[in-house]
């Protein structure tokens, strides 16, 4: 699931890196990326609940969830 969402993260990072020069439509795209990552994070949480828990799997899940949470916070904050 994570690999499918890498382009979303990369696009958001690209917009944040040039934040001083982005237009309103780019800010809207950034906010929308943040909203999309809310859904992605929720899907990751739901998917994880249905898996057999292992220590390694739990660590990966926690890292993915934290990454999505941080990214969506940044994207939504600077996108609005």
N, C-alpha and C. Protein backbone atom coordinates (compact mmCIF):
# COMPACT_ATOMS: atom_id res chain seq x y z
N UNK A 1 0.83 -1.19 0.00
CA UNK A 1 0.00 0.00 0.00
C UNK A 1 0.88 1.26 0.00
N UNK A 2 1.99 1.23 0.70
CA UNK A 2 2.83 2.42 0.83
C UNK A 2 3.36 2.88 -0.53
N UNK A 3 3.85 1.96 -1.34
CA UNK A 3 4.43 2.33 -2.63
C UNK A 3 3.44 3.05 -3.53
N UNK A 4 2.17 2.72 -3.41
CA UNK A 4 1.14 3.38 -4.21
C UNK A 4 1.01 4.86 -3.87
N UNK A 5 1.39 5.23 -2.67
CA UNK A 5 1.19 6.60 -2.20
C UNK A 5 2.45 7.46 -2.24
N UNK A 6 3.56 6.89 -2.63
CA UNK A 6 4.81 7.65 -2.71
C UNK A 6 4.67 8.86 -3.63
N UNK A 7 4.02 8.74 -4.80
CA UNK A 7 3.87 9.93 -5.65
C UNK A 7 3.12 11.08 -4.96
N UNK A 8 2.15 10.76 -4.11
CA UNK A 8 1.44 11.81 -3.36
C UNK A 8 2.39 12.54 -2.42
N UNK A 9 3.20 11.77 -1.72
CA UNK A 9 4.16 12.35 -0.80
C UNK A 9 5.18 13.19 -1.55
N UNK A 10 5.69 12.67 -2.66
CA UNK A 10 6.69 13.39 -3.43
C UNK A 10 6.13 14.70 -3.98
N UNK A 11 4.91 14.68 -4.48
CA UNK A 11 4.29 15.91 -5.02
C UNK A 11 4.11 16.94 -3.91
N UNK A 12 3.64 16.49 -2.76
CA UNK A 12 3.47 17.41 -1.65
C UNK A 12 4.79 18.01 -1.19
N UNK A 13 5.82 17.20 -1.13
CA UNK A 13 7.14 17.69 -0.74
C UNK A 13 7.65 18.70 -1.75
N UNK A 14 7.43 18.41 -3.03
CA UNK A 14 7.83 19.34 -4.09
C UNK A 14 7.17 20.71 -3.90
N UNK A 15 5.89 20.71 -3.60
CA UNK A 15 5.17 21.97 -3.39
C UNK A 15 5.66 22.69 -2.14
N UNK A 16 5.90 21.96 -1.07
CA UNK A 16 6.38 22.57 0.17
C UNK A 16 7.76 23.18 -0.03
N UNK A 17 8.60 22.51 -0.81
CA UNK A 17 9.96 23.02 -1.03
C UNK A 17 9.96 24.35 -1.76
N UNK A 18 8.95 24.63 -2.56
CA UNK A 18 8.88 25.92 -3.25
C UNK A 18 7.69 26.75 -2.76
N UNK A 19 7.42 26.62 -1.49
CA UNK A 19 6.26 27.25 -0.86
C UNK A 19 6.21 28.77 -1.07
N UNK A 20 7.37 29.42 -1.07
CA UNK A 20 7.40 30.87 -1.22
C UNK A 20 6.89 31.34 -2.57
N UNK A 21 6.89 30.45 -3.56
CA UNK A 21 6.52 30.89 -4.91
C UNK A 21 5.31 30.15 -5.50
N UNK A 22 4.59 29.40 -4.68
CA UNK A 22 3.46 28.67 -5.24
C UNK A 22 2.22 29.56 -5.31
N UNK A 23 1.36 29.23 -6.26
CA UNK A 23 0.13 29.99 -6.48
C UNK A 23 -1.00 29.38 -5.65
N UNK A 24 -2.13 30.05 -5.67
CA UNK A 24 -3.29 29.58 -4.91
C UNK A 24 -3.73 28.18 -5.34
N UNK A 25 -3.66 27.90 -6.63
CA UNK A 25 -4.06 26.57 -7.11
C UNK A 25 -3.13 25.49 -6.56
N UNK A 26 -1.84 25.85 -6.38
CA UNK A 26 -0.89 24.91 -5.80
C UNK A 26 -1.17 24.70 -4.31
N UNK A 27 -1.56 25.77 -3.63
CA UNK A 27 -1.93 25.64 -2.22
C UNK A 27 -3.17 24.76 -2.08
N UNK A 28 -4.10 24.91 -3.00
CA UNK A 28 -5.29 24.07 -2.99
C UNK A 28 -4.92 22.61 -3.23
N UNK A 29 -4.00 22.39 -4.18
CA UNK A 29 -3.54 21.02 -4.44
C UNK A 29 -2.87 20.44 -3.19
N UNK A 30 -2.08 21.24 -2.51
CA UNK A 30 -1.40 20.80 -1.30
C UNK A 30 -2.41 20.43 -0.22
N UNK A 31 -3.43 21.25 -0.04
CA UNK A 31 -4.48 20.94 0.93
C UNK A 31 -5.21 19.66 0.54
N UNK A 32 -5.47 19.49 -0.74
CA UNK A 32 -6.15 18.27 -1.21
C UNK A 32 -5.28 17.04 -1.00
N UNK A 33 -3.97 17.18 -1.19
CA UNK A 33 -3.06 16.07 -0.90
C UNK A 33 -3.14 15.70 0.58
N UNK A 34 -3.21 16.70 1.43
CA UNK A 34 -3.36 16.44 2.87
C UNK A 34 -4.65 15.70 3.17
N UNK A 35 -5.74 16.12 2.53
CA UNK A 35 -7.03 15.44 2.73
C UNK A 35 -6.97 14.00 2.22
N UNK A 36 -6.29 13.81 1.10
CA UNK A 36 -6.14 12.46 0.55
C UNK A 36 -5.35 11.58 1.51
N UNK A 37 -4.32 12.14 2.13
CA UNK A 37 -3.52 11.36 3.07
C UNK A 37 -4.28 11.01 4.34
N UNK A 38 -5.28 11.79 4.69
CA UNK A 38 -6.15 11.41 5.81
C UNK A 38 -6.82 10.08 5.48
N UNK A 39 -7.34 9.97 4.26
CA UNK A 39 -8.00 8.74 3.81
C UNK A 39 -7.00 7.60 3.74
N UNK A 40 -5.82 7.88 3.19
CA UNK A 40 -4.77 6.86 3.08
C UNK A 40 -4.39 6.34 4.46
N UNK A 41 -4.19 7.25 5.40
CA UNK A 41 -3.83 6.84 6.76
C UNK A 41 -4.93 6.01 7.38
N UNK A 42 -6.18 6.41 7.20
CA UNK A 42 -7.30 5.64 7.75
C UNK A 42 -7.37 4.25 7.12
N UNK A 43 -7.11 4.17 5.82
CA UNK A 43 -7.08 2.87 5.15
C UNK A 43 -5.95 2.00 5.68
N UNK A 44 -4.81 2.60 5.94
CA UNK A 44 -3.67 1.86 6.50
C UNK A 44 -4.02 1.34 7.88
N UNK A 45 -4.66 2.16 8.68
CA UNK A 45 -5.06 1.72 10.02
C UNK A 45 -6.05 0.55 9.94
N UNK A 46 -7.01 0.65 9.05
CA UNK A 46 -8.01 -0.41 8.89
C UNK A 46 -7.36 -1.69 8.37
N UNK A 47 -6.46 -1.54 7.43
CA UNK A 47 -5.77 -2.70 6.87
C UNK A 47 -4.93 -3.39 7.94
N UNK A 48 -4.27 -2.61 8.76
CA UNK A 48 -3.42 -3.18 9.81
C UNK A 48 -4.23 -3.98 10.82
N UNK A 49 -5.41 -3.52 11.11
CA UNK A 49 -6.26 -4.23 12.08
C UNK A 49 -6.60 -5.64 11.60
N UNK A 50 -6.64 -5.84 10.29
CA UNK A 50 -7.00 -7.14 9.73
C UNK A 50 -5.83 -8.09 9.54
N UNK A 51 -4.64 -7.67 9.90
CA UNK A 51 -3.45 -8.50 9.71
C UNK A 51 -3.07 -9.21 11.00
N UNK A 52 -2.31 -10.27 10.82
CA UNK A 52 -1.70 -10.93 11.97
C UNK A 52 -0.56 -10.04 12.44
N UNK A 53 -0.54 -9.70 13.69
CA UNK A 53 0.46 -8.79 14.23
C UNK A 53 1.79 -9.49 14.45
N UNK A 54 2.85 -8.86 13.97
CA UNK A 54 4.22 -9.29 14.26
C UNK A 54 4.99 -8.06 14.69
N UNK A 55 6.10 -8.27 15.37
CA UNK A 55 6.89 -7.11 15.81
C UNK A 55 7.34 -6.27 14.62
N UNK A 56 7.85 -6.91 13.59
CA UNK A 56 8.33 -6.18 12.41
C UNK A 56 7.17 -5.48 11.71
N UNK A 57 6.06 -6.16 11.55
CA UNK A 57 4.89 -5.58 10.91
C UNK A 57 4.37 -4.39 11.68
N UNK A 58 4.38 -4.48 13.00
CA UNK A 58 3.92 -3.37 13.82
C UNK A 58 4.82 -2.15 13.68
N UNK A 59 6.14 -2.38 13.61
CA UNK A 59 7.07 -1.27 13.43
C UNK A 59 6.85 -0.58 12.08
N UNK A 60 6.66 -1.36 11.05
CA UNK A 60 6.42 -0.80 9.71
C UNK A 60 5.12 0.00 9.72
N UNK A 61 4.09 -0.57 10.30
CA UNK A 61 2.79 0.10 10.39
C UNK A 61 2.91 1.43 11.13
N UNK A 62 3.60 1.42 12.26
CA UNK A 62 3.75 2.64 13.04
C UNK A 62 4.51 3.70 12.26
N UNK A 63 5.55 3.30 11.53
CA UNK A 63 6.34 4.25 10.74
C UNK A 63 5.49 4.84 9.60
N UNK A 64 4.74 3.99 8.91
CA UNK A 64 3.88 4.47 7.83
C UNK A 64 2.82 5.43 8.36
N UNK A 65 2.19 5.08 9.45
CA UNK A 65 1.14 5.91 10.03
C UNK A 65 1.71 7.26 10.46
N UNK A 66 2.88 7.25 11.08
CA UNK A 66 3.51 8.50 11.52
C UNK A 66 3.88 9.37 10.32
N UNK A 67 4.41 8.76 9.27
CA UNK A 67 4.77 9.51 8.07
C UNK A 67 3.54 10.16 7.45
N UNK A 68 2.48 9.39 7.28
CA UNK A 68 1.24 9.95 6.72
C UNK A 68 0.71 11.08 7.60
N UNK A 69 0.75 10.89 8.91
CA UNK A 69 0.24 11.91 9.84
C UNK A 69 1.04 13.20 9.74
N UNK A 70 2.37 13.08 9.71
CA UNK A 70 3.21 14.28 9.61
C UNK A 70 3.00 14.97 8.27
N UNK A 71 2.96 14.20 7.20
CA UNK A 71 2.80 14.78 5.86
C UNK A 71 1.45 15.47 5.74
N UNK A 72 0.41 14.83 6.17
CA UNK A 72 -0.92 15.46 6.03
C UNK A 72 -1.01 16.73 6.87
N UNK A 73 -0.39 16.74 8.04
CA UNK A 73 -0.39 17.95 8.86
C UNK A 73 0.31 19.11 8.13
N UNK A 74 1.47 18.82 7.56
CA UNK A 74 2.22 19.86 6.85
C UNK A 74 1.46 20.31 5.61
N UNK A 75 0.99 19.35 4.81
CA UNK A 75 0.30 19.68 3.56
C UNK A 75 -0.95 20.51 3.82
N UNK A 76 -1.73 20.11 4.82
CA UNK A 76 -2.96 20.83 5.11
C UNK A 76 -2.67 22.21 5.71
N UNK A 77 -1.65 22.30 6.55
CA UNK A 77 -1.30 23.57 7.18
C UNK A 77 -0.87 24.59 6.13
N UNK A 78 0.03 24.20 5.25
CA UNK A 78 0.55 25.15 4.26
C UNK A 78 -0.34 25.25 3.03
N UNK A 79 -1.26 24.34 2.88
CA UNK A 79 -2.15 24.38 1.74
C UNK A 79 -3.36 25.26 1.94
N UNK A 80 -3.59 25.68 3.15
CA UNK A 80 -4.78 26.49 3.42
C UNK A 80 -4.45 27.95 3.53
